[in-house]
């Protein structure tokens, strides 16, 4: 700072430069959430503190009170990654000088994409007269989160098919036993979105005799002869 002094009744002295120690900055301003919502990331931007109280060296970024990133002084935006999907997160930014970190900005609430907005439809189940079989087919979700990497068919909680076909025939099932099926869509970003369950009883023809050793093995591993049967476009 440049200051001048004056004695009582006398002239002003020449100017003198006085250097003061840096302080911590005030809070950054105008924090905002930019861009379209993503399933695991949010983009934020801000403006520098009105009162830097020194030379800014960078910014600390906080999510739900925890520091998650450091941005350089040349950046006034940042993408916060590796966030959980389908949630709201409080974001704050704090400036930094050589004196340390300053006050955090007022929090803003940002949301990642809600995966429940992108469910696949229930699988379509049918029996075609085959012994102890159920045909399962499915179509793409009406709203897609991104490119489909593959589908998973789940029967009674166990994955029985993984691939890009949209149909599968499950064989060697217990006659007249009820089975529950779900379809999972796995995106290119490895996010898994699961359908509501659909239930169907297996066909009644060709009952497997309990006295047969081969039949017993089939019941213990009911998908030995399962195979794709159709693709729905």
Protein backbone atom coordinates (compact mmCIF):
# COMPACT_ATOMS: atom_id res chain seq x y z
CA UNK A 1 0.00 0.00 0.00
CA UNK A 2 1.13 3.58 -0.63
CA UNK A 3 0.73 6.01 2.33
CA UNK A 4 1.70 9.57 3.10
CA UNK A 5 2.05 11.20 6.53
CA UNK A 6 1.66 14.79 7.74
CA UNK A 7 2.93 16.38 10.95
CA UNK A 8 0.71 18.92 12.67
CA UNK A 9 0.70 22.05 10.57
CA UNK A 10 3.50 20.81 8.34
CA UNK A 11 3.69 19.51 4.80
CA UNK A 12 2.99 15.92 3.75
CA UNK A 13 5.91 13.58 3.58
CA UNK A 14 6.86 11.79 0.42
CA UNK A 15 4.97 8.58 -0.37
CA UNK A 16 6.15 5.33 1.20
CA UNK A 17 5.28 1.76 0.22
CA UNK A 18 4.15 -0.44 3.07
CA UNK A 19 3.78 -4.24 2.58
CA UNK A 20 1.27 -6.07 4.76
CA UNK A 21 0.93 -9.81 5.29
CA UNK A 22 -1.58 -11.70 3.18
CA UNK A 23 -4.79 -12.85 4.75
CA UNK A 24 -7.14 -15.67 3.90
CA UNK A 25 -9.60 -14.83 1.12
CA UNK A 26 -13.28 -14.25 1.38
CA UNK A 27 -15.69 -16.79 -0.09
CA UNK A 28 -15.94 -17.30 -3.86
CA UNK A 29 -19.11 -15.97 -5.41
CA UNK A 30 -21.76 -17.07 -7.88
CA UNK A 31 -21.41 -20.83 -7.41
CA UNK A 32 -23.56 -22.62 -9.99
CA UNK A 33 -24.26 -26.09 -11.37
CA UNK A 34 -23.56 -26.24 -15.11
CA UNK A 35 -24.48 -28.61 -17.89
CA UNK A 36 -26.83 -31.56 -18.03
CA UNK A 37 -27.05 -33.87 -15.01
CA UNK A 38 -24.83 -36.93 -15.19
CA UNK A 39 -25.17 -40.24 -13.39
CA UNK A 40 -21.86 -39.96 -11.48
CA UNK A 41 -20.58 -36.40 -11.91
CA UNK A 42 -21.56 -32.75 -11.69
CA UNK A 43 -19.95 -29.65 -13.21
CA UNK A 44 -19.74 -26.48 -11.13
CA UNK A 45 -18.43 -22.99 -11.77
CA UNK A 46 -17.69 -19.93 -9.62
CA UNK A 47 -16.23 -16.42 -9.67
CA UNK A 48 -13.22 -15.27 -7.59
CA UNK A 49 -13.72 -13.86 -4.10
CA UNK A 50 -14.64 -10.19 -3.94
CA UNK A 51 -12.02 -9.81 -1.19
CA UNK A 52 -9.03 -12.01 -2.06
CA UNK A 53 -6.87 -10.46 0.73
CA UNK A 54 -3.77 -11.54 -1.16
CA UNK A 55 -2.76 -13.54 -4.21
CA UNK A 56 -4.99 -16.52 -4.82
CA UNK A 57 -3.15 -19.80 -5.37
CA UNK A 58 -6.11 -22.11 -6.03
CA UNK A 59 -9.47 -23.37 -4.86
CA UNK A 60 -10.62 -26.27 -2.68
CA UNK A 61 -13.89 -27.97 -3.64
CA UNK A 62 -16.08 -29.69 -1.08
CA UNK A 63 -18.90 -32.23 -1.47
CA UNK A 64 -21.07 -32.75 1.61
CA UNK A 65 -18.40 -31.08 3.74
CA UNK A 66 -15.51 -33.24 2.51
CA UNK A 67 -12.76 -31.86 0.29
CA UNK A 68 -12.91 -33.81 -2.98
CA UNK A 69 -10.82 -31.75 -5.39
CA UNK A 70 -8.31 -28.92 -5.78
CA UNK A 71 -8.52 -26.52 -8.74
CA UNK A 72 -5.73 -24.28 -10.00
CA UNK A 73 -5.96 -20.53 -9.99
CA UNK A 74 -6.49 -20.51 -13.75
CA UNK A 75 -9.73 -22.50 -13.44
CA UNK A 76 -13.14 -21.22 -12.46
CA UNK A 77 -14.99 -24.50 -13.07
CA UNK A 78 -14.51 -28.15 -12.22
CA UNK A 79 -16.17 -31.54 -12.81
CA UNK A 80 -16.64 -33.43 -9.54
CA UNK A 81 -16.51 -37.14 -10.41
CA UNK A 82 -17.06 -40.54 -8.78
CA UNK A 83 -20.27 -39.45 -7.10
CA UNK A 84 -23.13 -41.81 -6.25
CA UNK A 85 -26.04 -41.82 -8.65
CA UNK A 86 -29.58 -40.84 -7.73
CA UNK A 87 -28.58 -38.48 -4.94
CA UNK A 88 -28.33 -34.80 -3.96
CA UNK A 89 -24.98 -33.37 -2.87
CA UNK A 90 -24.05 -30.10 -1.17
CA UNK A 91 -21.18 -28.33 -2.98
CA UNK A 92 -18.95 -25.52 -1.64
CA UNK A 93 -15.79 -23.80 -2.91
CA UNK A 94 -13.07 -22.05 -0.88
CA UNK A 95 -10.22 -19.88 -2.16
CA UNK A 96 -6.64 -20.33 -0.96
CA UNK A 97 -3.75 -17.85 -0.49
CA UNK A 98 -0.34 -18.27 1.11
CA UNK A 99 -2.08 -17.55 4.42
CA UNK A 100 -4.33 -20.60 4.02
CA UNK A 101 -7.84 -21.47 3.05
CA UNK A 102 -10.52 -18.83 3.25
CA UNK A 103 -14.21 -18.98 3.96
CA UNK A 104 -16.26 -21.49 2.04
CA UNK A 105 -18.96 -20.30 -0.31
CA UNK A 106 -22.59 -20.74 0.54
CA UNK A 107 -23.58 -24.32 -0.30
CA UNK A 108 -25.53 -25.19 -3.42
CA UNK A 109 -27.46 -28.44 -3.81
CA UNK A 110 -26.63 -30.47 -6.92
CA UNK A 111 -28.19 -33.74 -8.06
CA UNK A 112 -26.86 -36.66 -10.06
CA UNK A 113 -29.11 -38.57 -12.44
CA UNK A 114 -31.71 -40.79 -10.85
CA UNK A 115 -31.27 -44.25 -12.40
CA UNK A 116 -34.83 -45.17 -11.44
CA UNK A 117 -35.93 -42.81 -14.24
CA UNK A 118 -34.43 -45.24 -16.79
CA UNK A 119 -35.82 -48.68 -15.96
CA UNK A 120 -36.14 -51.38 -18.59
CA UNK A 121 -39.61 -52.81 -19.08
CA UNK A 122 -40.64 -56.04 -17.42
CA UNK A 123 -39.53 -59.10 -19.38
CA UNK A 124 -42.14 -60.83 -21.55
CA UNK A 125 -42.68 -64.45 -20.50
CA UNK A 126 -44.33 -67.27 -22.42
CA UNK A 127 -44.40 -71.05 -22.69
CA UNK A 128 -44.41 -72.61 -26.14
CA UNK A 129 -45.45 -76.14 -25.24
CA UNK A 130 -41.91 -77.31 -24.64
CA UNK A 131 -41.21 -79.47 -21.65
CA UNK A 132 -40.42 -77.39 -18.60
CA UNK A 133 -39.38 -74.28 -20.52
CA UNK A 134 -40.04 -70.54 -20.32
CA UNK A 135 -39.32 -68.14 -23.17
CA UNK A 136 -38.12 -64.73 -21.97
CA UNK A 137 -37.82 -61.64 -24.16
CA UNK A 138 -37.38 -57.94 -23.50
CA UNK A 139 -37.14 -54.58 -25.25
CA UNK A 140 -34.94 -51.54 -24.69
CA UNK A 141 -35.94 -49.04 -21.99
CA UNK A 142 -38.14 -46.19 -23.23
CA UNK A 143 -35.48 -43.80 -21.87
CA UNK A 144 -31.86 -44.84 -22.21
CA UNK A 145 -29.07 -43.60 -19.98
CA UNK A 146 -26.43 -44.38 -22.60
CA UNK A 147 -25.20 -47.06 -24.98
CA UNK A 148 -26.06 -50.61 -23.88
CA UNK A 149 -23.02 -52.78 -23.15
CA UNK A 150 -25.04 -55.96 -22.57
CA UNK A 151 -28.13 -57.38 -20.91
CA UNK A 152 -28.38 -59.72 -17.95
CA UNK A 153 -31.32 -62.03 -17.34
CA UNK A 154 -31.87 -62.85 -13.69
CA UNK A 155 -33.95 -65.87 -12.63
CA UNK A 156 -34.81 -66.21 -8.94
CA UNK A 157 -31.97 -63.86 -8.04
CA UNK A 158 -29.29 -65.59 -10.16
CA UNK A 159 -27.87 -64.32 -13.45
CA UNK A 160 -28.61 -66.97 -16.06
CA UNK A 161 -27.77 -65.09 -19.25
CA UNK A 162 -25.37 -62.30 -20.24
CA UNK A 163 -25.21 -60.99 -23.80
CA UNK A 164 -26.66 -58.64 -26.40
CA UNK A 165 -29.57 -60.82 -27.53
CA UNK A 166 -32.98 -59.71 -26.31
CA UNK A 167 -34.46 -63.15 -25.89
CA UNK A 168 -33.59 -66.33 -24.04
CA UNK A 169 -35.19 -69.76 -23.56
CA UNK A 170 -34.73 -71.28 -20.12
CA UNK A 171 -35.01 -75.08 -20.13
CA UNK A 172 -34.99 -77.99 -17.67
CA UNK A 173 -37.21 -76.21 -15.17
CA UNK A 174 -39.34 -77.88 -12.55
CA UNK A 175 -42.81 -78.57 -14.02
CA UNK A 176 -45.43 -76.05 -12.92
CA UNK A 177 -42.94 -74.33 -10.60
CA UNK A 178 -43.16 -70.52 -10.56
CA UNK A 179 -40.05 -68.54 -11.54
CA UNK A 180 -39.28 -64.83 -11.15
CA UNK A 181 -37.36 -62.97 -13.87
CA UNK A 182 -35.74 -59.54 -14.04
CA UNK A 183 -33.79 -57.93 -16.85
CA UNK A 184 -30.75 -55.77 -16.17
CA UNK A 185 -29.40 -53.23 -18.63
CA UNK A 186 -25.65 -52.69 -18.23
CA UNK A 187 -24.54 -49.41 -19.82
CA UNK A 188 -21.20 -48.59 -21.41
CA UNK A 189 -20.32 -46.86 -18.14
CA UNK A 190 -21.04 -50.09 -16.23
CA UNK A 191 -24.17 -48.78 -14.56
CA UNK A 192 -26.76 -51.47 -13.95
CA UNK A 193 -30.48 -50.69 -14.18
CA UNK A 194 -32.92 -53.46 -13.31
CA UNK A 195 -36.51 -54.00 -14.38
CA UNK A 196 -39.46 -54.83 -12.19
CA UNK A 197 -39.92 -58.60 -11.78
CA UNK A 198 -42.18 -60.78 -13.92
CA UNK A 199 -43.38 -64.24 -12.84
CA UNK A 200 -44.36 -67.35 -14.80
CA UNK A 201 -44.93 -71.04 -14.16
CA UNK A 202 -42.98 -73.55 -16.19
CA UNK A 203 -44.80 -75.81 -18.64
CA UNK A 204 -46.33 -79.06 -17.49
CA UNK A 205 -45.37 -81.39 -20.33
CA UNK A 206 -42.57 -83.89 -20.15
CA UNK A 207 -42.31 -84.08 -16.39
CA UNK A 208 -38.96 -85.22 -15.14
CA UNK A 209 -39.16 -88.39 -13.10
CA UNK A 210 -37.66 -88.02 -9.65
CA UNK A 211 -36.21 -91.54 -9.85
CA UNK A 212 -34.02 -90.62 -12.82
CA UNK A 213 -30.40 -89.77 -12.03
CA UNK A 214 -30.14 -87.60 -15.15
CA UNK A 215 -33.28 -85.75 -14.22
CA UNK A 216 -31.93 -85.13 -10.75
CA UNK A 217 -28.81 -83.58 -12.23
CA UNK A 218 -30.94 -81.39 -14.49
CA UNK A 219 -32.92 -80.09 -11.54
CA UNK A 220 -29.74 -79.21 -9.71
CA UNK A 221 -28.44 -77.31 -12.77
CA UNK A 222 -31.62 -76.26 -14.57
CA UNK A 223 -29.92 -74.14 -17.27
CA UNK A 224 -27.74 -76.79 -18.93
CA UNK A 225 -29.80 -76.60 -22.12
CA UNK A 226 -30.81 -72.92 -21.96
CA UNK A 227 -30.25 -71.01 -25.20
CA UNK A 228 -31.12 -67.76 -27.00
CA UNK A 229 -34.27 -68.02 -29.07
CA UNK A 230 -35.08 -64.63 -30.52
CA UNK A 231 -34.11 -61.02 -30.79
CA UNK A 232 -36.67 -58.22 -30.68
CA UNK A 233 -35.77 -55.05 -32.52
